[in-house]
Amino acid sequence: MSIKRALVSVSDKTGIVDFCRELSQLGVEIVSTGGTKNLLAKEGVPVIGISDVTGFPEILDGRVKTLHPAVHSGLLAVRDSEEHQKQMEELGLGYIDLVVVNLYPFQETIAKPDVAYEDAIENIDIGGPTMLRSAAKNHAFVSVVVDSADYGKVIEEVRAEGDTTLDTRKKLAAKVFRHTAAYDALIADYLAKQTGDPLPERYTVTYEKIQDLRYGENPHQAAAFYRAPLAPAGTLTTAEQLHGKELSYNNINDANAALQIVKEFSEPAVVAVKHMNPCGVGVGSTIAEAYNKAYSADPVSIFGGIVAANRTIDVETAQPLSEIFLEIVLAPDFTPEALEILTKKKNIRLLKMGELTSAEGRQSVHVVTSIEGGMVVQESDVHSLSDADLKVVTKRQPTEDELKQLLFGWKVVKHVKSNAIVLAADDMTIGVGAGQMNRVGSAKIALEQAGDKAQGAILASDAFFPMGDTVELAAKHGIKAIIQPGGSIKDEESIKAADEAGIAMIFTGVRHFKH
């Protein structure tokens, strides 16, 4: 076999003129439609219109042009079937050996913030996916190209053998079905949201590969990094890496954890993370002050960690950052002077995030977690406390400073693995207890880490106290205020223990489990 006729219809015209010119020079007849045909003709590439093949004009503003038996018989005919050959000959139909199609820009259209529903619908391609699927199904005989990156490979093989190899056709067909599946998934997701059904009976998602990773969580696990098609700015998938070796699987997860915490704050804030838990969080009047607090919170655990800032890294911040081993520093930007300091460290990864939106301005998105045999989907936890959420349940009211520290601790504990306890004072964490099987265990870890700093500090808990023992333990270490969801059948036991110790306690009515 050899490629004698190609059907070309592309929205993204990158490289298409040179590709078709080479095909024509190799003796391939080019059939095309609409804007693609006009472009090829303008550039001097011999081309015939689709109407010359179908004997029928393009109608309905171009909505119907390739949906015709003359097109799809030419794509779907089994070339070594005598019956198919006979029918094609009797009907005067010709074969199509190569299809080059990419689709209407639906993703680009719905990415526009002010896109009208009608415009989105108009950019749903029908004829394109149909041709792609027909050609891909019949890849035993037909070559199909949906990605301009494959033009070179196709030309190389046609020039050498007059046709592509079966192995190449299989790979091209597989890419087509991935492409059309992703296209349809994007449409399905858009329409589900438009019709108020974000968690429908079939949940379809699609992601684009950013890069292969050296390995996954451990060296024996393969891994890759993917991006959602409409990923917002200020996420790791849109970050610009300014320096350092490529990100690892664990880097990405830790950096994302740090990013989610630092977005909780509108004031200058710095977060240090190890193994997806914060080891130090600080806020200050400057980003340098915030970093000093985050570092002081746990100068041991920050070693080899990830640091996230919500302000541009300046010289005053870069200098102390350069004095310890860190895997990643991520921030909205870095001053040239800060970059000069930090890039002297060969392996540190520097990520420029662009503007970060604080928690108050963030929209909930779906979070997908895989399990063996399936997945679970939930809204992201972007809840922020309002004054109406706060209920003082003890005799003593928190002081103004205690309330400030309680709200700080609440923002942090939300991002600590459950069961979670966070101690805070002076706008910084002083103790973090994460992921223990009981809440008292987490409290013991946080209090031990805080030591004498616990005197007069606050305690934040991600979930209610099932009994009064955590409050009693906190009281022994001098904790003066507590914030927790409340809602336990033994709340009165905790309230009584707090009153006896002179502790102010606030219920929020909101739980922040994180597993």
Protein backbone atom coordinates (compact mmCIF):
# COMPACT_ATOMS: atom_id res chain seq x y z
CA MET A 1 0.00 0.00 0.00
CA SER A 2 0.96 3.63 -0.29
CA ILE A 3 -0.52 6.96 0.71
CA LYS A 4 -2.17 8.52 -2.34
CA ARG A 5 -4.80 10.82 -0.87
CA ALA A 6 -4.84 12.86 2.36
CA LEU A 7 -7.76 14.68 3.96
CA VAL A 8 -6.55 17.73 5.88
CA SER A 9 -8.68 19.97 8.12
CA VAL A 10 -7.03 21.74 11.04
CA SER A 11 -7.87 24.54 13.45
CA ASP A 12 -4.27 24.79 14.68
CA LYS A 13 -2.36 25.37 11.46
CA THR A 14 1.13 25.12 12.95
CA GLY A 15 3.40 23.47 10.38
CA ILE A 16 0.54 22.40 8.13
CA VAL A 17 1.69 24.24 4.99
CA ASP A 18 5.16 22.71 4.98
CA PHE A 19 3.73 19.28 5.83
CA CYS A 20 1.21 19.35 2.99
CA ARG A 21 3.75 20.77 0.55
CA GLU A 22 6.03 17.81 1.25
CA LEU A 23 3.13 15.37 0.89
CA SER A 24 2.22 16.93 -2.45
CA GLN A 25 5.81 16.66 -3.66
CA LEU A 26 5.66 12.96 -2.77
CA GLY A 27 2.64 12.55 -5.05
CA VAL A 28 -0.10 12.69 -2.40
CA GLU A 29 -3.38 14.39 -3.39
CA ILE A 30 -4.51 16.87 -0.74
CA VAL A 31 -8.22 17.24 0.01
CA SER A 32 -9.16 20.01 2.42
CA THR A 33 -11.93 22.16 3.86
CA GLY A 34 -12.71 25.79 4.62
CA GLY A 35 -9.90 27.85 6.09
CA THR A 36 -7.31 25.09 5.73
CA LYS A 37 -8.02 24.77 1.99
CA ASN A 38 -7.81 28.53 1.53
CA LEU A 39 -4.47 28.70 3.35
CA LEU A 40 -2.94 25.86 1.35
CA ALA A 41 -4.13 27.36 -1.93
CA LYS A 42 -2.76 30.77 -0.95
CA GLU A 43 0.62 29.19 -0.20
CA GLY A 44 0.70 27.44 -3.56
CA VAL A 45 0.06 23.91 -2.32
CA PRO A 46 -2.10 21.92 -4.79
CA VAL A 47 -5.40 21.20 -3.03
CA ILE A 48 -8.96 20.20 -3.92
CA GLY A 49 -12.05 21.00 -1.87
CA ILE A 50 -14.06 18.47 0.11
CA SER A 51 -17.07 19.24 -2.10
CA ASP A 52 -15.16 17.86 -5.08
CA VAL A 53 -15.03 14.53 -3.23
CA THR A 54 -18.56 14.46 -1.84
CA GLY A 55 -20.33 16.19 -4.72
CA PHE A 56 -22.16 18.15 -2.04
CA PRO A 57 -21.53 21.73 -0.86
CA GLU A 58 -20.43 22.69 2.64
CA ILE A 59 -23.65 23.80 4.34
CA LEU A 60 -25.04 25.26 7.56
CA ASP A 61 -22.12 27.66 8.07
CA GLY A 62 -19.69 24.78 7.70
CA ARG A 63 -21.37 22.61 10.31
CA VAL A 64 -21.86 19.91 7.69
CA LYS A 65 -19.08 19.26 5.21
CA THR A 66 -17.28 15.99 6.00
CA LEU A 67 -20.23 14.05 7.43
CA HIS A 68 -20.78 12.22 4.15
CA PRO A 69 -20.56 8.59 2.89
CA ALA A 70 -17.94 9.59 0.34
CA VAL A 71 -15.67 10.61 3.20
CA HIS A 72 -16.34 7.88 5.73
CA SER A 73 -16.45 5.03 3.22
CA GLY A 74 -13.03 6.19 2.06
CA LEU A 75 -11.83 6.01 5.65
CA LEU A 76 -13.56 2.86 6.86
CA ALA A 77 -13.29 0.55 3.86
CA VAL A 78 -11.30 -2.60 4.62
CA ARG A 79 -8.77 -2.58 1.81
CA ASP A 80 -8.25 -6.34 1.63
CA SER A 81 -11.97 -7.13 1.62
CA GLU A 82 -13.22 -8.07 -1.87
CA GLU A 83 -16.77 -7.13 -0.92
CA HIS A 84 -15.66 -3.64 0.28
CA GLN A 85 -13.57 -3.16 -2.86
CA LYS A 86 -16.52 -4.12 -5.04
CA GLN A 87 -18.89 -1.71 -3.28
CA MET A 88 -16.41 1.16 -3.47
CA GLU A 89 -15.94 0.55 -7.19
CA GLU A 90 -19.66 0.22 -7.93
CA LEU A 91 -20.41 3.49 -6.11
CA GLY A 92 -17.46 5.33 -7.62
CA LEU A 93 -15.94 6.06 -4.22
CA GLY A 94 -12.27 6.71 -3.57
CA TYR A 95 -10.06 5.76 -0.64
CA ILE A 96 -8.58 8.22 1.85
CA ASP A 97 -5.21 7.01 3.11
CA LEU A 98 -4.21 9.78 5.52
CA VAL A 99 -6.26 12.03 7.80
CA VAL A 100 -4.75 15.15 9.37
CA VAL A 101 -7.21 16.79 11.72
CA ASN A 102 -7.14 18.81 14.90
CA LEU A 103 -10.27 20.06 16.56
CA TYR A 104 -12.14 23.28 17.19
CA PRO A 105 -10.51 25.12 20.12
CA PHE A 106 -13.08 24.23 22.78
CA GLN A 107 -10.58 24.38 25.66
CA GLU A 108 -9.25 27.77 24.60
CA THR A 109 -12.80 29.05 24.23
CA ILE A 110 -14.05 28.07 27.69
CA ALA A 111 -10.81 29.33 29.26
CA LYS A 112 -11.94 32.88 28.45
CA PRO A 113 -13.38 34.41 31.64
CA ASP A 114 -16.33 36.02 29.84
CA VAL A 115 -17.13 33.23 27.38
CA ALA A 116 -20.77 33.01 26.38
CA TYR A 117 -22.49 29.63 26.58
CA GLU A 118 -23.43 29.89 22.90
CA ASP A 119 -19.78 30.41 21.91
CA ALA A 120 -18.71 27.38 23.90
CA ILE A 121 -21.32 25.19 22.22
CA GLU A 122 -20.38 26.48 18.77
CA ASN A 123 -16.81 25.34 19.40
CA ILE A 124 -17.78 21.72 19.95
CA ASP A 125 -16.36 19.91 16.93
CA ILE A 126 -18.48 17.15 15.38
CA GLY A 127 -17.03 16.31 11.99
CA GLY A 128 -13.44 16.38 13.23
CA PRO A 129 -13.78 13.74 15.97
CA THR A 130 -15.89 11.61 13.63
CA MET A 131 -13.18 11.57 10.95
CA LEU A 132 -10.49 10.94 13.53
CA ARG A 133 -12.35 8.00 15.03
CA SER A 134 -13.13 6.48 11.62
CA ALA A 135 -9.52 6.71 10.53
CA ALA A 136 -8.17 5.50 13.87
CA LYS A 137 -10.50 2.51 13.88
CA ASN A 138 -9.23 1.54 10.43
CA HIS A 139 -5.56 2.12 11.30
CA ALA A 140 -4.66 -1.21 9.67
CA PHE A 141 -4.90 0.75 6.42
CA VAL A 142 -5.26 4.45 7.27
CA SER A 143 -2.77 6.82 8.90
CA VAL A 144 -4.24 9.49 11.17
CA VAL A 145 -2.45 12.52 12.63
CA VAL A 146 -3.87 14.73 15.37
CA ASP A 147 -0.63 16.26 16.66
CA SER A 148 1.70 18.46 14.59
CA ALA A 149 4.61 16.92 16.51
CA ASP A 150 4.04 13.76 14.42
CA TYR A 151 4.29 15.45 11.02
CA GLY A 152 8.03 14.82 10.77
CA LYS A 153 7.73 11.10 11.57
CA VAL A 154 4.99 10.61 8.95
CA ILE A 155 6.92 12.45 6.23
CA GLU A 156 10.05 10.47 7.03
CA GLU A 157 8.27 7.13 6.60
CA VAL A 158 6.27 8.15 3.51
CA ARG A 159 9.45 9.42 1.87
CA ALA A 160 11.21 6.14 2.64
CA GLU A 161 8.46 3.58 1.96
CA GLY A 162 5.48 5.43 0.49
CA ASP A 163 3.45 4.69 3.62
CA THR A 164 3.70 4.63 7.39
CA THR A 165 4.47 1.41 9.22
CA LEU A 166 1.72 -0.51 11.01
CA ASP A 167 3.48 0.15 14.32
CA THR A 168 3.37 3.89 13.66
CA ARG A 169 -0.29 3.73 12.62
CA LYS A 170 -1.16 1.91 15.85
CA LYS A 171 0.59 4.56 17.92
CA LEU A 172 -1.04 7.39 15.99
CA ALA A 173 -4.47 5.76 16.42
CA ALA A 174 -3.96 5.35 20.15
CA LYS A 175 -3.05 9.03 20.40
CA VAL A 176 -6.21 9.93 18.50
CA PHE A 177 -8.47 8.09 20.93
CA ARG A 178 -6.69 9.69 23.89
CA HIS A 179 -7.17 13.06 22.21
CA THR A 180 -10.87 12.63 21.45
CA ALA A 181 -11.50 11.15 24.92
CA ALA A 182 -9.88 14.19 26.51
CA TYR A 183 -11.85 16.52 24.23
CA ASP A 184 -15.15 14.86 25.14
CA ALA A 185 -14.24 14.79 28.83
CA LEU A 186 -13.69 18.53 28.78
CA ILE A 187 -17.06 19.09 27.09
CA ALA A 188 -18.80 16.75 29.54
CA ASP A 189 -17.25 18.54 32.51
CA TYR A 190 -18.21 21.97 31.16
CA LEU A 191 -21.81 20.96 30.55
CA ALA A 192 -22.09 19.23 33.93
CA LYS A 193 -21.09 22.47 35.64
CA GLN A 194 -23.38 24.53 33.42
CA THR A 195 -26.34 22.34 34.33
CA GLY A 196 -25.56 22.30 38.06
CA ASP A 197 -24.48 18.67 38.21
CA PRO A 198 -20.78 18.76 39.22
CA LEU A 199 -20.81 15.19 40.56
CA PRO A 200 -22.71 13.31 37.82
CA GLU A 201 -23.32 9.59 37.35
CA ARG A 202 -20.11 9.34 35.31
CA TYR A 203 -17.16 11.48 36.36
CA THR A 204 -14.83 12.19 33.47
CA VAL A 205 -11.46 13.90 33.89
CA THR A 206 -8.53 14.56 31.63
CA TYR A 207 -4.99 15.76 32.27
CA GLU A 208 -2.04 16.75 30.07
CA LYS A 209 1.42 15.39 30.82
CA ILE A 210 3.91 18.02 31.94
CA GLN A 211 6.82 15.65 32.33
CA ASP A 212 7.90 12.17 33.27
CA LEU A 213 9.40 11.99 36.75
CA ARG A 214 12.55 10.11 37.64
CA TYR A 215 10.45 7.92 39.93
CA GLY A 216 7.48 8.06 42.27
CA GLU A 217 7.23 8.05 46.04
CA ASN A 218 10.00 5.44 46.06
CA PRO A 219 12.66 4.59 43.44
CA HIS A 220 10.90 1.41 42.32
CA GLN A 221 7.68 3.30 41.38
CA ALA A 222 7.19 4.94 37.96
CA ALA A 223 5.53 8.38 37.95
CA ALA A 224 4.62 11.38 35.80
CA PHE A 225 3.38 14.93 36.44
CA TYR A 226 0.10 16.02 34.80
CA ARG A 227 -1.78 19.30 34.52
CA ALA A 228 -5.53 19.90 34.36
CA PRO A 229 -6.49 21.58 31.05
CA LEU A 230 -7.82 24.70 32.76
CA ALA A 231 -5.37 24.83 35.66
CA PRO A 232 -5.51 28.27 37.29
CA ALA A 233 -2.52 30.54 37.76
CA GLY A 234 -0.69 30.32 41.07
CA THR A 235 -0.52 26.52 41.07
CA LEU A 236 2.45 24.21 40.72
CA THR A 237 1.29 23.16 37.26
CA THR A 238 1.69 26.74 36.02
CA ALA A 239 4.84 27.63 37.99
CA GLU A 240 8.05 28.69 36.27
CA GLN A 241 11.13 26.87 37.54
CA LEU A 242 13.98 29.36 37.65
CA HIS A 243 16.74 27.12 38.99
CA GLY A 244 17.64 23.64 40.15
CA LYS A 245 17.15 20.07 39.05
CA GLU A 246 13.74 18.78 38.04
CA LEU A 247 11.02 18.23 40.61
CA SER A 248 10.46 14.79 42.08
CA TYR A 249 7.16 13.16 42.98
CA ASN A 250 7.68 13.91 46.68
CA ASN A 251 8.82 17.47 45.91
CA ILE A 252 5.58 18.12 44.06
CA ASN A 253 3.38 16.83 46.87
CA ASP A 254 5.30 18.68 49.58
CA ALA A 255 5.42 21.90 47.56
CA ASN A 256 1.68 21.73 46.94
CA ALA A 257 1.07 21.28 50.68
CA ALA A 258 3.22 24.31 51.45
CA LEU A 259 1.47 26.34 48.77
CA GLN A 260 -2.00 25.56 50.12
CA ILE A 261 -1.00 26.70 53.61
CA VAL A 262 0.69 29.93 52.57
CA LYS A 263 -2.41 30.85 50.54
CA GLU A 264 -4.35 30.99 53.81
CA PHE A 265 -2.66 34.29 54.64
CA SER A 266 -3.05 37.77 53.21
CA GLU A 267 -0.25 39.25 55.35
CA PRO A 268 3.41 38.34 54.63
CA ALA A 269 3.73 34.64 55.47
CA VAL A 270 6.25 31.83 55.14
CA VAL A 271 5.59 28.11 55.51
CA ALA A 272 8.13 25.33 55.88
CA VAL A 273 6.92 21.80 55.09
CA LYS A 274 8.34 18.31 55.61
CA HIS A 275 6.47 15.22 54.40
CA MET A 276 3.33 17.27 53.65
CA ASN A 277 3.03 18.64 57.20
CA PRO A 278 4.06 22.16 58.24
CA CYS A 279 7.06 22.22 60.56
CA GLY A 280 7.10 25.99 60.82
CA VAL A 281 4.73 28.81 59.90
CA GLY A 282 5.28 32.51 60.55
CA VAL A 283 3.73 35.83 59.61
CA GLY A 284 5.32 39.25 59.95
CA SER A 285 5.41 42.79 58.68
CA THR A 286 7.96 41.71 56.06
CA ILE A 287 8.66 38.43 54.34
CA ALA A 288 12.08 38.30 56.01
CA GLU A 289 10.46 38.55 59.44
CA ALA A 290 7.95 35.87 58.48
CA TYR A 291 10.78 33.56 57.39
CA ASN A 292 12.71 34.09 60.62
CA LYS A 293 9.63 33.04 62.57
CA ALA A 294 9.01 29.99 60.38
CA TYR A 295 12.64 28.95 60.78
CA SER A 296 12.66 29.54 64.54
CA ALA A 297 9.51 27.44 64.92
CA ASP A 298 11.51 24.28 64.19
CA PRO A 299 15.11 24.84 63.01
CA VAL A 300 15.74 21.09 62.99
CA SER A 301 12.85 19.87 60.85
CA ILE A 302 13.15 22.62 58.24
CA PHE A 303 16.45 21.09 57.09
CA GLY A 304 15.81 19.48 53.69
CA GLY A 305 12.30 20.91 53.59
CA ILE A 306 10.20 23.04 51.26
CA VAL A 307 9.67 26.75 51.92
CA ALA A 308 6.75 28.71 50.50
CA ALA A 309 6.33 32.49 50.71
CA ASN A 310 3.45 34.69 49.61
CA ARG A 311 5.63 37.70 48.86
CA THR A 312 8.61 38.25 46.56
CA ILE A 313 11.83 36.85 48.01
CA ASP A 314 14.25 39.73 48.63
CA VAL A 315 17.91 39.85 49.69
CA GLU A 316 17.06 39.95 53.39
CA THR A 317 15.13 36.70 53.02
CA ALA A 318 17.41 35.03 50.48
CA GLN A 319 20.51 35.27 52.63
CA PRO A 320 19.24 33.13 55.54
CA LEU A 321 17.51 30.79 53.08
CA SER A 322 20.89 30.15 51.43
CA GLU A 323 22.48 29.17 54.73
CA ILE A 324 20.59 25.87 55.12
CA PHE A 325 19.80 22.92 52.86
CA LEU A 326 16.35 23.29 51.29
CA GLU A 327 14.77 21.27 48.51
CA ILE A 328 12.51 24.03 47.14
CA VAL A 329 11.75 27.69 47.65
CA LEU A 330 8.56 28.88 45.99
CA ALA A 331 7.28 32.43 45.93
CA PRO A 332 5.40 34.86 43.71
CA ASP A 333 8.78 36.12 42.47
CA PHE A 334 12.44 36.65 43.38
CA THR A 335 14.39 39.90 43.11
CA PRO A 336 17.49 39.71 40.86
CA GLU A 337 19.69 40.13 43.92
CA ALA A 338 17.91 37.29 45.73
CA LEU A 339 18.29 35.04 42.68
CA GLU A 340 22.02 35.80 42.56
CA ILE A 341 22.36 34.56 46.14
CA LEU A 342 20.14 31.49 45.86
CA THR A 343 21.34 30.24 42.48
CA LYS A 344 24.81 29.77 43.94
CA LYS A 345 23.30 26.66 45.53
CA LYS A 346 23.35 24.11 42.70
CA ASN A 347 20.51 21.82 43.72
CA ILE A 348 17.94 24.14 45.27
CA ARG A 349 14.80 24.40 43.16
CA LEU A 350 13.36 27.90 42.79
CA LEU A 351 9.76 28.19 41.62
CA LYS A 352 8.20 31.46 40.51
CA MET A 353 4.47 31.18 41.17
CA GLY A 354 3.14 34.53 40.07
CA GLU A 355 0.43 36.25 42.08
CA LEU A 356 -1.08 34.06 44.81
CA THR A 357 -4.73 34.37 45.77
CA SER A 358 -5.33 34.23 49.52
CA ALA A 359 -7.97 31.92 51.00
CA GLU A 360 -10.69 34.56 51.03
CA GLY A 361 -10.63 34.81 47.24
CA ARG A 362 -10.26 31.12 46.36
CA GLN A 363 -12.96 29.02 44.75
CA SER A 364 -13.56 25.40 45.69
CA VAL A 365 -12.41 22.85 43.12
CA HIS A 366 -12.80 19.09 42.94
CA VAL A 367 -10.11 17.01 44.59
CA VAL A 368 -9.72 13.50 43.18
CA THR A 369 -8.13 10.78 45.30
CA SER A 370 -7.50 7.38 43.79
CA ILE A 371 -8.20 4.16 45.64
CA GLU A 372 -7.70 0.62 44.45
CA GLY A 373 -10.45 -0.01 41.93
CA GLY A 374 -11.80 3.54 41.88
CA MET A 375 -11.59 7.03 43.28
CA VAL A 376 -13.35 9.45 45.58
CA VAL A 377 -14.10 13.05 44.69
CA GLN A 378 -14.77 15.97 46.99
CA GLU A 379 -14.76 19.75 47.02
CA SER A 380 -11.52 21.33 48.22
CA ASP A 381 -11.56 22.72 51.76
CA VAL A 382 -11.50 26.48 51.23
CA HIS A 383 -13.69 27.35 54.24
CA SER A 384 -12.68 30.52 56.04
CA LEU A 385 -13.97 31.50 59.45
CA SER A 386 -16.23 34.50 59.89
CA ASP A 387 -16.98 36.29 63.14
CA ALA A 388 -20.36 34.58 63.16
CA ASP A 389 -18.65 31.17 63.30
CA LEU A 390 -16.86 31.93 66.58
CA LYS A 391 -18.59 30.93 69.78
CA VAL A 392 -16.87 31.46 73.13
CA VAL A 393 -18.06 28.60 75.36
CA THR A 394 -16.01 29.32 78.50
CA LYS A 395 -16.35 31.86 81.28
CA ARG A 396 -13.20 33.64 80.20
CA GLN A 397 -13.16 35.50 76.90
CA PRO A 398 -9.95 35.38 74.83
CA THR A 399 -7.90 38.56 74.83
CA GLU A 400 -7.41 40.45 71.57
CA ASP A 401 -3.95 38.95 71.08
CA GLU A 402 -5.16 35.47 72.01
CA LEU A 403 -7.92 35.75 69.41
CA LYS A 404 -5.37 36.78 66.80
CA GLN A 405 -3.20 33.76 67.63
CA LEU A 406 -6.22 31.44 67.70
CA LEU A 407 -7.19 32.47 64.16
CA PHE A 408 -3.59 32.03 63.05
CA GLY A 409 -3.46 28.54 64.56
CA TRP A 410 -6.79 27.64 62.98
CA LYS A 411 -5.47 28.46 59.51
CA VAL A 412 -2.48 26.19 60.05
CA VAL A 413 -4.15 23.22 61.78
CA LYS A 414 -6.50 22.90 58.80
CA HIS A 415 -3.51 21.69 56.77
CA VAL A 416 -1.96 19.29 59.28
CA LYS A 417 -2.64 15.57 58.97
CA SER A 418 -5.32 14.40 61.40
CA ASN A 419 -5.41 14.02 64.32
CA ALA A 420 -3.88 17.51 64.37
CA ILE A 421 -2.85 19.88 67.13
CA VAL A 422 -1.07 23.20 66.54
CA LEU A 423 0.37 25.51 69.20
CA ALA A 424 1.04 29.14 68.32
CA ALA A 425 2.34 32.34 69.90
CA ASP A 426 3.70 35.61 68.53
CA ASP A 427 2.39 34.91 65.00
CA MET A 428 4.27 31.65 64.59
CA THR A 429 3.84 27.97 65.25
CA ILE A 430 5.71 26.68 68.28
CA GLY A 431 4.51 23.08 68.23
CA VAL A 432 2.84 20.78 65.70
CA GLY A 433 1.41 17.35 66.45
CA ALA A 434 0.31 15.47 63.32
CA GLY A 435 -1.24 12.22 62.23
CA GLN A 436 -1.50 10.43 65.55
CA MET A 437 -4.06 7.76 66.27
CA ASN A 438 -5.48 9.76 69.18
CA ARG A 439 -5.68 13.47 69.84
CA VAL A 440 -3.85 13.38 73.15
CA GLY A 441 -0.90 11.82 71.34
CA SER A 442 -0.78 14.75 68.92
CA ALA A 443 -1.10 17.21 71.79
CA LYS A 444 1.81 15.57 73.65
CA ILE A 445 4.05 15.88 70.57
CA ALA A 446 3.15 19.55 70.05
CA LEU A 447 3.58 20.42 73.72
CA GLU A 448 6.90 18.62 73.97
CA GLN A 449 8.15 20.49 70.93
CA ALA A 450 7.00 23.83 72.36
CA GLY A 451 8.54 23.25 75.79
CA ASP A 452 8.53 26.42 77.87
CA LYS A 453 7.09 28.40 74.93
CA ALA A 454 3.74 26.75 75.62
CA GLN A 455 3.25 29.05 78.62
CA GLY A 456 0.59 31.56 77.54
CA ALA A 457 0.28 30.10 74.03
CA ILE A 458 -2.83 28.94 72.17
CA LEU A 459 -3.86 25.48 70.99
CA ALA A 460 -5.79 24.72 67.80
CA SER A 461 -7.40 21.36 67.08
CA ASP A 462 -8.74 20.23 63.69
CA ALA A 463 -11.60 18.26 65.28
CA PHE A 464 -13.49 18.16 68.57
CA PHE A 465 -12.18 16.68 71.81
CA PRO A 466 -13.89 13.35 72.54
CA MET A 467 -13.22 13.93 76.26
CA GLY A 468 -11.58 16.49 78.53
CA ASP A 469 -8.10 14.94 78.62
CA THR A 470 -6.58 17.17 75.92
CA VAL A 471 -7.71 20.31 77.72
CA GLU A 472 -6.33 18.98 81.01
CA LEU A 473 -2.98 18.26 79.37
CA ALA A 474 -2.92 21.72 77.78
CA ALA A 475 -3.66 23.35 81.12
CA LYS A 476 -0.67 21.59 82.75
CA HIS A 477 1.60 23.22 80.16
CA GLY A 478 0.21 26.74 80.53
CA ILE A 479 -1.98 26.98 77.41
CA LYS A 480 -4.26 30.01 77.77
CA ALA A 481 -6.70 29.68 74.85
CA ILE A 482 -8.06 26.89 72.67
CA ILE A 483 -9.91 26.83 69.36
CA GLN A 484 -11.70 23.66 68.23
CA PRO A 485 -14.86 22.69 66.30
CA GLY A 486 -16.92 21.48 69.25
CA GLY A 487 -19.74 19.01 68.75
CA SER A 488 -18.67 16.15 71.00
CA ILE A 489 -21.19 14.53 73.33
CA LYS A 490 -18.61 15.29 76.03
CA ASP A 491 -18.13 18.97 75.19
CA GLU A 492 -19.20 19.92 78.70
CA GLU A 493 -16.32 17.90 80.11
CA SER A 494 -13.84 19.92 78.04
CA ILE A 495 -15.56 23.21 78.85
CA LYS A 496 -15.46 22.43 82.57
CA ALA A 497 -11.76 21.57 82.41
CA ALA A 498 -11.07 24.83 80.57
CA ASP A 499 -13.04 26.89 83.08
CA GLU A 500 -11.20 25.28 85.99
CA ALA A 501 -7.87 26.16 84.38
CA GLY A 502 -8.88 29.69 83.36
CA ILE A 503 -8.56 28.81 79.66
CA ALA A 504 -10.62 30.64 77.06
CA MET A 505 -12.12 28.26 74.51
CA ILE A 506 -13.80 28.95 71.18
CA PHE A 507 -15.96 26.55 69.18
CA THR A 508 -16.04 27.07 65.42
CA GLY A 509 -18.63 24.50 64.37
CA VAL A 510 -16.29 23.51 61.51
CA ARG A 511 -14.12 20.40 61.30
CA HIS A 512 -10.94 20.26 59.20
CA PHE A 513 -9.97 16.60 58.92
CA LYS A 514 -7.06 16.00 56.55
CA HIS A 515 -6.03 12.44 55.74
